[in-house]
C-alpha cells in the first residue's frame, strides 16, 4: 500500500458515513420544499452544493451547504426576507441556530450532528449574471460534478496534505487554498502526484486558464481563471506566503514523502523555562500587546488584526525601533507579538540639519535647537549641521503607552484598545498561560 493509499484509508468516509450524509441532506432538501410551499412560495429550488455534493469531503467533516434558489426576478429584499423565513422553518428542528451575515443574511445550525448552512441565492442563467457572490456556487458545483468522477480520492489526499501543511482554507484567517480551487487543480493536473510535481516549479504570476478564456487582468501570485466566470480569479484569496509555503511543502514531500505532511505531530505548549531560553538564545527583545478580543466574525476580526500588526510596526520604525518579526494570535484575548533588535534605545538621537551654506535654513535649524532643553550638542559634520537631541521615547513600552491609541487599528480593535491594554516585555510574556498561545510561540524556537 502506497503512502497516499494509507492516508486515504484514514480520511475517506465509510459507506455508513456517506449513507448518513445522504439521508440528512435529502431530508433537508425535502424540508426546504415543504417550507416554501407552506409559505406560499413558488419556483423555490433547494440544492446541495459544496464538497458534500461532489463526494470530495473528508471523513468527520460533517458540513452541509443547502442553497435556496429563488427566481432571478426576485428582488434582493424579497430574497433576504423569504429566504430567512424558509430557513427559520427548518431551524425549528435544529440546534445552536445562528443568523449570520455575509453579502446577505443566511442561517447556520446544527442538524442531526451536521453543521448546516442555509443560504438564499438567485437562480441566474450564468455565473456572469450573478446578483450576489453566492450565486456562482451552483455553477461551480455543476462544473466539478461533471469532471471530478474518478479523481475524488486525489482531491481528498490533496485536501489532507494542505490541511497538514497549514495551507488549506480561503478564509482571511488562513489565506490559503479553497476546496473549489483544490478540486480545479486536481482536474487540471490529473492527479495528486502530478499536482505536487508541478507545484515544485511554480513561480508567482502563474496562470491556469482551463477553458482558455484568454482574458487575464489579475496580479495575484497564482491566477486560476474561474471556468464559470472568466473575470474571476479562483485563487484571489491565496496569499504570497501561503503560495510559497505550498511550493516548499511540495518540494520537501517530493524529496522525502512522509505521513507527517498529512498528519503533523501536535505541538505541545512551551513551558515557562522553554520560553525564557528561547528569548535568551535569540538575544532580541520580545513585547506582547494584550487586550480583550472583540466578539467579531473571523472575516472582520482577522483583517483588523493584520492592520493593527502593520500599524504597530510602522509606529515602532517611525521612532527608530527595528522590528525583526511580528505576528498576532487571538482567542478570548488578542495578542500582537513583536520581536525587536532592542526594545530600548539610547537617550540621544542624531538629527542632521541643512548644509551650513544654506544660510536661511541653517540659521533656523540652529535657533530651533540652541533654545531647546532637548539639545545635547550641536556641531558640523561633513558640511551639515547636526543636533544630538534627546529621544522622545527611549523604550518601546513607553512608546506604546503614549502612542498606541493613535495607531490606525480599525474600528473594533480601536475600541477594544481604548478600553484597555497591557504591554508585556521579555520574561513577563510567561504570564500568559493560555496553552494555544504557548503552542503558537513554538514558531520562534530553534528547528531541530
Protein backbone atom coordinates (compact mmCIF):
# COMPACT_ATOMS: atom_id res chain seq x y z
CA UNK A 1 0.00 0.00 0.00
CA UNK A 2 1.43 3.39 -1.00
CA UNK A 3 1.69 6.31 1.40
CA UNK A 4 -1.18 8.11 -0.35
CA UNK A 5 -3.33 4.98 -0.08
CA UNK A 6 -2.57 4.77 3.63
CA UNK A 7 -3.62 8.40 4.03
CA UNK A 8 -6.78 7.82 2.01
CA UNK A 9 -7.65 4.85 4.20
CA UNK A 10 -7.73 7.21 7.20
CA UNK A 11 -9.72 10.07 5.64
CA UNK A 12 -12.18 8.54 3.19
CA UNK A 13 -15.73 8.41 4.51
CA UNK A 14 -17.10 4.94 5.16
CA UNK A 15 -20.19 3.70 3.29
CA UNK A 16 -22.18 4.15 6.51
CA UNK A 17 -20.96 7.74 6.87
CA UNK A 18 -21.87 8.50 3.26
CA UNK A 19 -25.31 6.96 3.71
CA UNK A 20 -25.95 9.09 6.80
CA UNK A 21 -24.93 12.25 4.95
CA UNK A 22 -27.19 11.47 2.00
CA UNK A 23 -30.09 10.75 4.33
CA UNK A 24 -29.71 14.03 6.23
CA UNK A 25 -29.15 16.05 3.04
CA UNK A 26 -32.25 14.55 1.40
CA UNK A 27 -34.30 15.34 4.50
CA UNK A 28 -33.15 18.96 4.50
CA UNK A 29 -33.85 19.41 0.79
CA UNK A 30 -37.33 17.99 1.28
CA UNK A 31 -37.90 20.25 4.28
CA UNK A 32 -36.95 23.33 2.24
CA UNK A 33 -39.50 22.44 -0.45
CA UNK A 34 -42.16 21.77 2.16
CA UNK A 35 -41.47 25.04 3.97
CA UNK A 36 -41.57 27.02 0.71
CA UNK A 37 -44.97 25.54 -0.21
CA UNK A 38 -46.25 26.14 3.32
CA UNK A 39 -45.31 29.81 2.94
CA UNK A 40 -46.95 30.01 -0.49
CA UNK A 41 -43.64 30.47 -2.34
CA UNK A 42 -43.37 29.02 -5.85
CA UNK A 43 -40.32 28.27 -8.01
CA UNK A 44 -38.04 27.91 -5.00
CA UNK A 45 -35.48 25.17 -5.61
CA UNK A 46 -33.21 23.70 -2.91
CA UNK A 47 -29.75 22.46 -3.93
CA UNK A 48 -26.98 20.63 -2.10
CA UNK A 49 -23.65 22.19 -3.07
CA UNK A 50 -20.05 22.04 -1.90
CA UNK A 51 -17.88 19.02 -1.16
CA UNK A 52 -20.81 17.00 0.18
CA UNK A 53 -22.49 17.20 -3.23
CA UNK A 54 -19.26 16.36 -5.08
CA UNK A 55 -18.12 13.44 -2.92
CA UNK A 56 -14.92 15.28 -2.01
CA UNK A 57 -15.46 15.62 1.75
CA UNK A 58 -13.12 14.21 4.35
CA UNK A 59 -14.40 11.77 6.95
CA UNK A 60 -15.53 13.53 10.10
CA UNK A 61 -16.20 16.89 8.42
CA UNK A 62 -19.98 16.90 8.59
CA UNK A 63 -20.79 20.14 6.74
CA UNK A 64 -23.80 20.64 4.51
CA UNK A 65 -24.39 23.67 2.29
CA UNK A 66 -28.04 23.93 1.25
CA UNK A 67 -28.74 26.70 -1.24
CA UNK A 68 -32.29 28.02 -1.50
CA UNK A 69 -32.63 29.28 -5.08
CA UNK A 70 -35.14 31.99 -5.94
CA UNK A 71 -36.09 33.14 -9.45
CA UNK A 72 -33.78 35.80 -10.91
CA UNK A 73 -36.66 38.28 -10.96
CA UNK A 74 -36.84 38.21 -7.15
CA UNK A 75 -35.71 41.46 -5.51
CA UNK A 76 -32.83 41.50 -3.02
CA UNK A 77 -35.26 42.44 -0.24
CA UNK A 78 -37.58 39.53 -1.10
CA UNK A 79 -34.64 37.12 -1.27
CA UNK A 80 -33.40 38.09 2.17
CA UNK A 81 -36.83 38.13 3.79
CA UNK A 82 -38.30 34.99 2.22
CA UNK A 83 -35.01 33.08 2.32
CA UNK A 84 -34.76 33.59 6.05
CA UNK A 85 -38.43 32.67 6.52
CA UNK A 86 -37.77 29.28 4.93
CA UNK A 87 -34.53 28.83 6.85
CA UNK A 88 -36.23 29.64 10.16
CA UNK A 89 -38.85 26.99 9.47
CA UNK A 90 -36.10 24.38 9.14
CA UNK A 91 -34.32 25.78 12.19
CA UNK A 92 -37.21 24.72 14.40
CA UNK A 93 -35.71 21.22 14.25
CA UNK A 94 -32.12 22.40 14.61
CA UNK A 95 -29.77 23.31 17.45
CA UNK A 96 -27.36 26.21 18.00
CA UNK A 97 -29.21 28.26 15.41
CA UNK A 98 -27.49 31.47 14.35
CA UNK A 99 -28.32 34.02 11.71
CA UNK A 100 -25.15 35.19 10.01
CA UNK A 101 -24.35 37.92 7.52
CA UNK A 102 -22.07 37.86 4.51
CA UNK A 103 -23.23 39.78 1.44
CA UNK A 104 -26.74 38.97 2.63
CA UNK A 105 -28.15 37.04 5.60
CA UNK A 106 -28.05 33.25 5.87
CA UNK A 107 -28.70 30.77 8.66
CA UNK A 108 -26.33 28.30 10.33
CA UNK A 109 -27.46 25.45 12.57
CA UNK A 110 -26.59 22.03 13.86
CA UNK A 111 -28.96 19.40 12.50
CA UNK A 112 -28.61 15.75 13.46
CA UNK A 113 -24.89 16.17 14.05
CA UNK A 114 -24.23 18.16 10.85
CA UNK A 115 -23.14 21.77 10.58
CA UNK A 116 -25.65 23.20 8.12
CA UNK A 117 -25.63 26.49 6.21
CA UNK A 118 -28.97 27.52 4.67
CA UNK A 119 -28.11 30.11 2.02
CA UNK A 120 -30.61 32.03 -0.15
CA UNK A 121 -29.41 32.75 -3.70
CA UNK A 122 -30.65 33.83 -7.12
CA UNK A 123 -31.15 31.19 -9.82
CA UNK A 124 -29.35 33.14 -12.55
CA UNK A 125 -28.75 31.74 -16.05
CA UNK A 126 -24.95 32.02 -15.92
CA UNK A 127 -22.22 32.94 -13.46
CA UNK A 128 -21.57 36.11 -15.45
CA UNK A 129 -25.06 37.34 -14.47
CA UNK A 130 -24.75 36.88 -10.71
CA UNK A 131 -26.66 39.26 -8.45
CA UNK A 132 -24.83 38.18 -5.29
CA UNK A 133 -21.48 36.47 -4.72
CA UNK A 134 -23.04 33.15 -3.68
CA UNK A 135 -24.94 32.83 -6.96
CA UNK A 136 -21.89 31.40 -8.74
CA UNK A 137 -21.57 28.48 -6.30
CA UNK A 138 -24.18 26.26 -8.05
CA UNK A 139 -22.23 26.74 -11.30
CA UNK A 140 -19.03 25.68 -9.55
CA UNK A 141 -20.92 22.66 -8.30
CA UNK A 142 -22.06 21.54 -11.74
CA UNK A 143 -18.65 22.16 -13.35
CA UNK A 144 -16.88 19.99 -10.77
CA UNK A 145 -19.52 17.24 -10.64
CA UNK A 146 -19.15 16.62 -14.38
CA UNK A 147 -15.34 16.44 -14.31
CA UNK A 148 -14.45 15.01 -10.89
CA UNK A 149 -15.57 11.35 -11.23
CA UNK A 150 -12.51 9.15 -10.79
CA UNK A 151 -10.48 11.92 -9.16
CA UNK A 152 -12.32 12.20 -5.84
CA UNK A 153 -9.66 10.25 -3.94
CA UNK A 154 -6.91 12.53 -5.27
CA UNK A 155 -8.87 15.55 -4.05
CA UNK A 156 -9.21 14.01 -0.58
CA UNK A 157 -5.48 13.31 -0.34
CA UNK A 158 -4.63 16.82 -1.57
CA UNK A 159 -7.01 18.45 0.90
CA UNK A 160 -5.42 16.49 3.73
CA UNK A 161 -1.94 17.45 2.50
CA UNK A 162 -2.95 21.10 2.52
CA UNK A 163 -4.54 20.78 5.95
CA UNK A 164 -1.40 19.16 7.30
CA UNK A 165 0.85 21.86 5.86
CA UNK A 166 -1.40 24.72 7.01
CA UNK A 167 -2.30 25.91 3.53
CA UNK A 168 -5.94 24.80 3.28
CA UNK A 169 -8.77 27.30 3.68
CA UNK A 170 -9.52 30.50 1.79
CA UNK A 171 -10.89 32.43 4.76
CA UNK A 172 -9.00 35.57 5.77
CA UNK A 173 -7.59 33.82 8.81
CA UNK A 174 -5.69 31.33 6.63
CA UNK A 175 -5.46 32.91 3.13
CA UNK A 176 -4.86 29.50 1.61
CA UNK A 177 -6.46 27.17 -0.95
CA UNK A 178 -10.24 26.83 -1.08
CA UNK A 179 -11.96 23.49 -1.66
CA UNK A 180 -13.06 24.59 -5.14
CA UNK A 181 -9.53 25.69 -6.04
CA UNK A 182 -8.14 22.36 -4.82
CA UNK A 183 -10.61 20.46 -7.00
CA UNK A 184 -9.74 22.57 -10.04
CA UNK A 185 -6.02 21.92 -9.55
CA UNK A 186 -6.60 18.16 -9.39
CA UNK A 187 -8.76 18.27 -12.53
CA UNK A 188 -6.17 20.42 -14.33
CA UNK A 189 -3.12 18.32 -13.43
CA UNK A 190 -4.91 14.96 -13.40
CA UNK A 191 -3.83 13.58 -10.00
CA UNK A 192 -2.42 14.36 -6.57
CA UNK A 193 1.11 13.38 -7.57
CA UNK A 194 1.05 15.42 -10.78
CA UNK A 195 -0.15 18.47 -8.87
CA UNK A 196 2.64 18.07 -6.30
CA UNK A 197 5.24 17.56 -9.06
CA UNK A 198 4.15 20.65 -11.00
CA UNK A 199 3.84 22.84 -7.91
CA UNK A 200 7.52 22.27 -7.16
CA UNK A 201 8.25 24.57 -10.13
CA UNK A 202 5.55 27.20 -9.63
CA UNK A 203 6.52 30.87 -9.65
CA UNK A 204 4.43 33.95 -8.82
CA UNK A 205 2.37 35.05 -11.79
CA UNK A 206 1.43 31.51 -12.85
CA UNK A 207 -1.82 31.48 -14.85
CA UNK A 208 -4.04 28.42 -15.16
CA UNK A 209 -6.80 29.00 -17.69
CA UNK A 210 -8.50 25.63 -18.07
CA UNK A 211 -11.03 26.70 -20.72
CA UNK A 212 -8.63 29.14 -22.42
CA UNK A 213 -10.78 32.19 -21.88
CA UNK A 214 -7.70 34.29 -22.53
CA UNK A 215 -8.68 37.50 -20.70
CA UNK A 216 -6.41 37.90 -17.67
CA UNK A 217 -6.05 41.11 -15.63
CA UNK A 218 -5.03 39.69 -12.26
CA UNK A 219 -1.75 40.24 -10.44
CA UNK A 220 -2.08 37.61 -7.71
CA UNK A 221 0.68 35.05 -7.01
CA UNK A 222 -1.48 32.32 -8.56
CA UNK A 223 -4.19 33.01 -11.12
CA UNK A 224 -6.73 30.27 -11.79
CA UNK A 225 -9.40 31.62 -14.10
CA UNK A 226 -12.84 30.55 -12.92
CA UNK A 227 -14.18 28.28 -15.70
CA UNK A 228 -17.70 29.52 -14.97
CA UNK A 229 -16.82 33.23 -14.71
CA UNK A 230 -13.77 34.34 -16.74
CA UNK A 231 -13.44 37.66 -14.88
CA UNK A 232 -12.77 35.95 -11.55
CA UNK A 233 -9.55 34.51 -10.14
CA UNK A 234 -10.41 31.49 -8.00
CA UNK A 235 -7.04 31.86 -6.22
CA UNK A 236 -7.51 35.54 -5.31
CA UNK A 237 -7.60 34.76 -1.58
CA UNK A 238 -4.27 32.90 -1.68
CA UNK A 239 -1.51 34.99 -0.10
CA UNK A 240 2.06 35.08 -1.39
CA UNK A 241 3.30 33.46 1.82
CA UNK A 242 0.84 30.57 1.57
CA UNK A 243 1.65 30.17 -2.13
CA UNK A 244 5.34 29.88 -1.22
CA UNK A 245 4.59 27.62 1.76
CA UNK A 246 2.77 25.18 -0.52
CA UNK A 247 5.65 25.13 -3.02
CA UNK A 248 8.09 24.44 -0.17
CA UNK A 249 5.89 21.63 1.19
CA UNK A 250 5.61 20.02 -2.26
CA UNK A 251 9.40 20.10 -2.71
CA UNK A 252 10.04 18.60 0.72
CA UNK A 253 7.40 15.93 0.15
CA UNK A 254 8.93 15.04 -3.23
CA UNK A 255 12.35 14.67 -1.61
CA UNK A 256 11.18 12.61 1.35
CA UNK A 257 7.49 11.61 1.49
CA UNK A 258 6.15 11.20 5.00
CA UNK A 259 2.82 10.85 6.76
CA UNK A 260 3.82 13.89 8.82
CA UNK A 261 2.89 16.12 5.88
CA UNK A 262 -0.70 14.92 6.21
CA UNK A 263 -0.92 14.40 9.95
CA UNK A 264 1.70 16.61 11.62
CA UNK A 265 2.55 15.92 15.22
CA UNK A 266 0.55 18.02 17.66
CA UNK A 267 2.55 20.93 19.03
CA UNK A 268 2.91 20.98 22.78
CA UNK A 269 2.64 24.25 24.75
CA UNK A 270 6.02 25.75 25.56
CA UNK A 271 6.93 25.59 29.22
CA UNK A 272 7.97 28.72 31.07
CA UNK A 273 11.66 27.79 31.05
CA UNK A 274 11.47 26.99 27.31
CA UNK A 275 10.04 30.43 26.55
CA UNK A 276 12.75 32.14 28.60
CA UNK A 277 15.51 30.02 27.00
CA UNK A 278 14.15 30.74 23.52
CA UNK A 279 14.17 34.50 24.06
CA UNK A 280 17.59 34.43 25.71
CA UNK A 281 19.11 32.36 22.89
CA UNK A 282 17.83 34.78 20.24
CA UNK A 283 19.24 37.75 22.12
CA UNK A 284 16.45 40.01 20.88
CA UNK A 285 13.62 41.83 22.69
CA UNK A 286 10.06 40.46 22.81
CA UNK A 287 6.97 42.53 23.56
CA UNK A 288 3.33 41.48 23.66
CA UNK A 289 0.39 43.86 23.33
CA UNK A 290 -2.53 42.15 25.09
CA UNK A 291 -6.18 43.23 25.06
CA UNK A 292 -9.65 41.71 25.13
CA UNK A 293 -10.62 40.41 21.70
CA UNK A 294 -13.89 41.89 20.39
CA UNK A 295 -16.66 39.44 19.51
CA UNK A 296 -16.43 39.52 15.72
CA UNK A 297 -16.65 37.01 12.88
CA UNK A 298 -13.24 35.94 11.58
CA UNK A 299 -13.59 37.79 8.27
CA UNK A 300 -13.84 41.08 10.18
CA UNK A 301 -11.52 40.32 13.11
CA UNK A 302 -8.51 38.99 11.23
CA UNK A 303 -8.16 41.83 8.70
CA UNK A 304 -8.25 44.28 11.62
CA UNK A 305 -5.60 42.28 13.50
CA UNK A 306 -3.45 42.30 10.37
CA UNK A 307 -3.96 46.05 10.04
CA UNK A 308 -3.07 46.57 13.70
CA UNK A 309 0.10 44.49 13.41
CA UNK A 310 1.18 46.59 10.42
CA UNK A 311 0.34 49.88 12.16
CA UNK A 312 2.29 48.92 15.27
CA UNK A 313 5.34 48.04 13.18
CA UNK A 314 5.11 51.40 11.40
CA UNK A 315 4.91 53.19 14.75
CA UNK A 316 7.99 51.39 16.07
CA UNK A 317 10.02 52.06 12.95
CA UNK A 318 8.98 55.72 12.95
CA UNK A 319 10.70 56.05 16.32
CA UNK A 320 13.81 54.04 15.26
CA UNK A 321 12.94 50.66 16.80
CA UNK A 322 13.97 47.91 14.40
CA UNK A 323 11.40 45.11 14.08
CA UNK A 324 12.71 41.62 13.37
CA UNK A 325 9.44 39.67 13.42
CA UNK A 326 5.81 40.09 14.34
CA UNK A 327 2.63 38.04 14.47
CA UNK A 328 -0.81 38.05 16.03
CA UNK A 329 -2.82 35.46 17.96
CA UNK A 330 -6.34 35.55 19.30
CA UNK A 331 -8.81 33.66 21.43
CA UNK A 332 -10.57 35.38 24.36
CA UNK A 333 -7.66 37.80 24.31
CA UNK A 334 -5.88 39.22 21.28
CA UNK A 335 -2.11 39.47 21.27
CA UNK A 336 0.25 41.29 18.93
CA UNK A 337 3.68 39.75 19.48
CA UNK A 338 6.77 41.70 18.40
CA UNK A 339 10.44 40.79 18.26
CA UNK A 340 12.77 43.80 18.17
CA UNK A 341 16.51 44.13 17.77
CA UNK A 342 16.21 46.03 21.05
CA UNK A 343 13.26 47.42 22.97
CA UNK A 344 15.50 50.13 24.45
CA UNK A 345 17.41 52.86 22.60
CA UNK A 346 19.92 55.45 23.85
CA UNK A 347 18.51 58.72 25.13
CA UNK A 348 20.42 60.60 22.44
CA UNK A 349 19.22 60.81 18.84
CA UNK A 350 21.27 62.24 15.98
CA UNK A 351 19.36 64.69 13.81
CA UNK A 352 21.04 66.06 10.69
CA UNK A 353 20.10 69.54 9.54
CA UNK A 354 20.78 71.57 6.40
CA UNK A 355 24.21 72.36 4.90
CA UNK A 356 26.00 75.28 6.55
CA UNK A 357 25.97 77.32 3.31
CA UNK A 358 22.17 77.28 3.01
CA UNK A 359 22.12 80.23 5.34
CA UNK A 360 18.40 80.83 5.93
CA UNK A 361 17.58 77.18 6.73
CA UNK A 362 20.83 76.70 8.62
CA UNK A 363 20.12 79.67 10.87
CA UNK A 364 16.58 78.44 11.55
CA UNK A 365 17.89 75.00 12.47
CA UNK A 366 20.47 76.43 14.88
CA UNK A 367 17.97 78.72 16.56
CA UNK A 368 15.45 75.88 16.97
CA UNK A 369 17.82 73.59 18.81
CA UNK A 370 20.03 76.09 20.67
CA UNK A 371 16.93 77.24 22.54
CA UNK A 372 15.75 73.68 23.23
CA UNK A 373 16.07 71.83 26.53
CA UNK A 374 16.32 68.64 24.48
CA UNK A 375 19.71 69.50 22.97
CA UNK A 376 22.83 67.59 23.99
CA UNK A 377 25.21 69.12 21.43
CA UNK A 378 25.26 70.99 18.11
CA UNK A 379 28.11 70.61 15.63
CA UNK A 380 29.11 70.45 11.96
CA UNK A 381 29.73 67.12 10.25
CA UNK A 382 30.60 66.78 6.56
CA UNK A 383 29.28 70.30 5.93
CA UNK A 384 25.94 69.76 7.65
CA UNK A 385 24.71 70.98 11.00
CA UNK A 386 23.98 68.06 13.32
CA UNK A 387 21.99 68.23 16.54
CA UNK A 388 22.29 65.47 19.11
CA UNK A 389 18.91 65.69 20.81
CA UNK A 390 17.01 63.81 23.48
CA UNK A 391 14.93 60.97 22.07
CA UNK A 392 11.17 61.28 22.75
CA UNK A 393 10.79 57.59 23.53
CA UNK A 394 13.78 55.53 24.56
CA UNK A 395 11.76 52.36 25.27
CA UNK A 396 9.18 50.62 23.09
CA UNK A 397 6.96 50.12 26.13
CA UNK A 398 6.82 53.86 26.79
CA UNK A 399 6.11 54.50 23.11
CA UNK A 400 3.13 52.13 23.16
CA UNK A 401 1.82 53.60 26.39
CA UNK A 402 1.74 57.08 24.88
CA UNK A 403 1.04 56.48 21.19
CA UNK A 404 -0.81 53.18 20.90
CA UNK A 405 -4.30 54.65 20.67
CA UNK A 406 -3.17 56.97 17.87
CA UNK A 407 -2.36 54.00 15.61
CA UNK A 408 -4.65 53.00 12.75
CA UNK A 409 -6.27 49.98 14.39
CA UNK A 410 -9.61 49.53 12.70
CA UNK A 411 -12.93 50.46 14.30
CA UNK A 412 -13.48 47.47 16.59
CA UNK A 413 -9.88 46.93 17.67
CA UNK A 414 -9.54 50.66 18.25
CA UNK A 415 -12.47 50.50 20.66
CA UNK A 416 -11.03 47.40 22.37
CA UNK A 417 -7.61 49.02 22.84
CA UNK A 418 -9.20 52.22 24.14
CA UNK A 419 -10.91 50.15 26.84
CA UNK A 420 -7.50 48.95 27.97
CA UNK A 421 -4.40 47.01 27.00
CA UNK A 422 -1.32 45.57 28.67
CA UNK A 423 2.28 45.58 27.47
CA UNK A 424 4.30 42.54 28.50
CA UNK A 425 8.04 42.58 27.89
CA UNK A 426 10.60 39.78 27.90
CA UNK A 427 10.02 37.21 30.64
CA UNK A 428 6.71 38.88 31.53
CA UNK A 429 5.27 37.09 28.48
CA UNK A 430 5.33 33.87 30.51
CA UNK A 431 2.40 35.33 32.47
CA UNK A 432 0.24 34.28 29.50
CA UNK A 433 -0.79 30.75 30.44
CA UNK A 434 -3.12 30.01 27.51
CA UNK A 435 -2.00 26.66 26.04
CA UNK A 436 -2.77 27.59 22.42
CA UNK A 437 -0.70 30.75 22.71
CA UNK A 438 2.21 28.76 24.07
CA UNK A 439 1.89 26.40 21.10
CA UNK A 440 1.90 29.44 18.83
CA UNK A 441 5.21 30.55 20.38
CA UNK A 442 6.94 27.46 19.00
CA UNK A 443 7.28 29.16 15.62
CA UNK A 444 10.15 31.12 17.23
CA UNK A 445 12.02 28.16 18.65
CA UNK A 446 15.07 26.58 17.03
CA UNK A 447 14.20 23.89 14.48
CA UNK A 448 15.59 20.52 15.49
